């Protein structure tokens, strides 16, 4: 084998290893991003539920679809 062939084989091998490492890292980062997004979604849902639970009576009346003037008399 010539020196050039050995260099090509080594380069291909290193490129393959580096490529595998990069693909693994990409998969890990993608999974981390998905976990982060899920945590943020859960946090938003929790905050929304807390806001709903802490609404004042006036806010609930204002959001109601009923016409409360009918019940006033």
Protein backbone atom coordinates (compact mmCIF):
# COMPACT_ATOMS: atom_id res chain seq x y z
CA UNK A 1 0.00 0.00 0.00
CA UNK A 2 1.23 3.42 -0.78
CA UNK A 3 1.46 6.15 1.78
CA UNK A 4 -1.37 7.94 0.04
CA UNK A 5 -3.71 4.92 0.35
CA UNK A 6 -2.93 4.61 4.06
CA UNK A 7 -3.72 8.30 4.54
CA UNK A 8 -7.04 7.94 2.71
CA UNK A 9 -8.04 4.91 4.79
CA UNK A 10 -7.12 6.72 8.00
CA UNK A 11 -9.01 9.82 6.87
CA UNK A 12 -12.09 7.77 5.94
CA UNK A 13 -11.94 5.95 9.28
CA UNK A 14 -11.57 9.19 11.22
CA UNK A 15 -14.33 10.83 9.20
CA UNK A 16 -16.58 7.86 9.92
CA UNK A 17 -15.86 8.07 13.65
CA UNK A 18 -16.34 11.82 13.71
CA UNK A 19 -19.54 11.47 11.72
CA UNK A 20 -20.87 8.88 14.18
CA UNK A 21 -19.99 11.13 17.11
CA UNK A 22 -21.67 14.10 15.49
CA UNK A 23 -24.80 12.09 14.72
CA UNK A 24 -24.91 10.83 18.31
CA UNK A 25 -24.50 14.37 19.63
CA UNK A 26 -27.21 15.60 17.27
CA UNK A 27 -29.58 12.93 18.58
CA UNK A 28 -28.75 13.82 22.18
CA UNK A 29 -29.29 17.53 21.57
CA UNK A 30 -32.57 16.86 19.81
CA UNK A 31 -33.77 14.78 22.76
CA UNK A 32 -32.70 17.48 25.22
CA UNK A 33 -34.56 20.09 23.19
CA UNK A 34 -37.71 17.96 23.18
CA UNK A 35 -37.47 17.47 26.94
CA UNK A 36 -36.99 21.21 27.43
CA UNK A 37 -40.01 22.00 25.26
CA UNK A 38 -42.13 19.49 27.17
CA UNK A 39 -41.10 21.02 30.51
CA UNK A 40 -41.96 24.49 29.21
CA UNK A 41 -45.33 23.24 27.97
CA UNK A 42 -46.06 21.64 31.34
CA UNK A 43 -45.04 24.86 33.09
CA UNK A 44 -47.35 26.96 30.89
CA UNK A 45 -50.25 24.58 31.57
CA UNK A 46 -49.62 24.72 35.30
CA UNK A 47 -49.52 28.53 35.29
CA UNK A 48 -52.70 28.68 33.23
CA UNK A 49 -54.50 26.37 35.69
CA UNK A 50 -53.28 28.48 38.60
CA UNK A 51 -54.54 31.67 36.95
CA UNK A 52 -57.91 30.03 36.31
CA UNK A 53 -58.14 28.85 39.91
CA UNK A 54 -57.24 32.29 41.28
CA UNK A 55 -59.70 34.35 39.24
CA UNK A 56 -61.90 36.73 41.15
CA UNK A 57 -65.66 36.47 41.09
CA UNK A 58 -65.81 39.60 38.94
CA UNK A 59 -63.48 38.09 36.34
CA UNK A 60 -65.57 34.93 36.22
CA UNK A 61 -68.76 36.96 35.75
CA UNK A 62 -67.18 39.04 32.99
CA UNK A 63 -66.10 35.89 31.14
CA UNK A 64 -69.48 34.25 31.50
CA UNK A 65 -71.65 33.98 28.38
CA UNK A 66 -74.83 34.48 30.41
CA UNK A 67 -76.61 37.83 30.43
CA UNK A 68 -76.60 38.59 34.13
CA UNK A 69 -78.83 41.64 33.68
CA UNK A 70 -81.75 39.27 33.16
CA UNK A 71 -81.26 37.90 36.66
CA UNK A 72 -80.86 41.31 38.27
CA UNK A 73 -84.59 42.05 38.62
